[in-house]
Structure formats: structure tokens, C-alpha cells
């Protein structure tokens, strides 16, 4: 069974996590929240599965090394 990775936008990420925009970007810079993925020239989003992993266990989240 093939699963398609959904990309979610900023508003959805903020709603699901309860984080403020500034806290979200600070956590990305620290490596304690998933990084955005480019979806267009001026747009970015997040892999839903990565955000769900963070929501499940935010204290021990480690960004995947690519």
C-alpha cells in the first residue's frame, strides 16, 4: 500500500501544535522541530508525518539527518 506524504501549511502546524510562530521558528533553528520543505518559489510546508512525530513526543524529537 502506497502512502502519499501530505504537506501541511504554517496555519495548520500552528493550530495542531499550539506553538506561536516565533517559537516554531526558534525550535526549527535549534533542531527541535521539523524543517520546512519547499513547495513553490515562495511557499513552504511541513511533512505531516514529521509534525505528528513531534506532537507525539516533543521533548525527545530529533530532526532526521538527511
Protein backbone atom coordinates (compact mmCIF):
# COMPACT_ATOMS: atom_id res chain seq x y z
CA UNK A 1 0.00 0.00 0.00
CA UNK A 2 1.48 3.30 -1.10
CA UNK A 3 1.09 6.24 1.26
CA UNK A 4 1.35 9.77 -0.04
CA UNK A 5 3.14 12.18 2.26
CA UNK A 6 0.88 15.14 2.95
CA UNK A 7 2.36 18.61 3.19
CA UNK A 8 0.70 20.94 5.67
CA UNK A 9 1.00 24.72 5.77
CA UNK A 10 2.01 27.06 8.58
CA UNK A 11 -1.50 27.81 9.90
CA UNK A 12 -2.24 24.09 10.25
CA UNK A 13 1.09 23.47 12.01
CA UNK A 14 0.45 26.31 14.46
CA UNK A 15 -3.10 25.08 15.14
CA UNK A 16 -2.01 21.49 15.71
CA UNK A 17 1.00 22.25 17.90
CA UNK A 18 -0.27 25.24 19.85
CA UNK A 19 3.05 27.00 19.25
CA UNK A 20 3.40 30.64 18.33
CA UNK A 21 5.04 31.49 15.01
CA UNK A 22 8.21 32.81 16.70
CA UNK A 23 8.51 29.74 18.95
CA UNK A 24 8.05 27.45 15.97
CA UNK A 25 10.88 29.10 14.01
CA UNK A 26 13.13 29.16 17.11
CA UNK A 27 12.61 25.41 17.57
CA UNK A 28 13.41 24.83 13.88
CA UNK A 29 16.67 26.77 14.30
CA UNK A 30 17.51 24.69 17.41
CA UNK A 31 16.79 21.46 15.55
CA UNK A 32 13.96 20.51 17.92
CA UNK A 33 11.18 20.82 15.32
CA UNK A 34 10.95 19.52 11.73
CA UNK A 35 12.26 21.81 8.99
CA UNK A 36 10.05 23.14 6.24
CA UNK A 37 10.08 21.69 2.76
CA UNK A 38 9.80 23.98 -0.26
CA UNK A 39 6.56 23.58 -2.23
CA UNK A 40 6.82 26.58 -4.54
CA UNK A 41 9.04 29.58 -5.14
CA UNK A 42 7.58 31.49 -2.19
CA UNK A 43 5.84 28.70 -0.29
CA UNK A 44 6.88 26.06 2.18
CA UNK A 45 5.17 23.46 4.27
CA UNK A 46 5.91 20.57 6.60
CA UNK A 47 5.66 16.83 6.17
CA UNK A 48 2.58 15.89 8.18
CA UNK A 49 4.24 12.71 9.48
CA UNK A 50 7.19 14.69 10.91
CA UNK A 51 4.85 17.13 12.67
CA UNK A 52 2.84 14.18 14.04
CA UNK A 53 6.07 12.62 15.39
CA UNK A 54 6.86 15.91 17.13
CA UNK A 55 3.34 16.15 18.58
CA UNK A 56 3.60 12.57 19.90
CA UNK A 57 6.85 13.28 21.78
CA UNK A 58 8.08 16.88 21.57
CA UNK A 59 10.75 16.57 24.28
CA UNK A 60 12.70 13.82 22.58
CA UNK A 61 12.12 14.82 18.93
CA UNK A 62 15.29 14.69 16.85
CA UNK A 63 15.35 16.01 13.31
CA UNK A 64 16.16 13.34 10.73
CA UNK A 65 19.64 13.72 9.32
CA UNK A 66 19.41 13.87 5.54
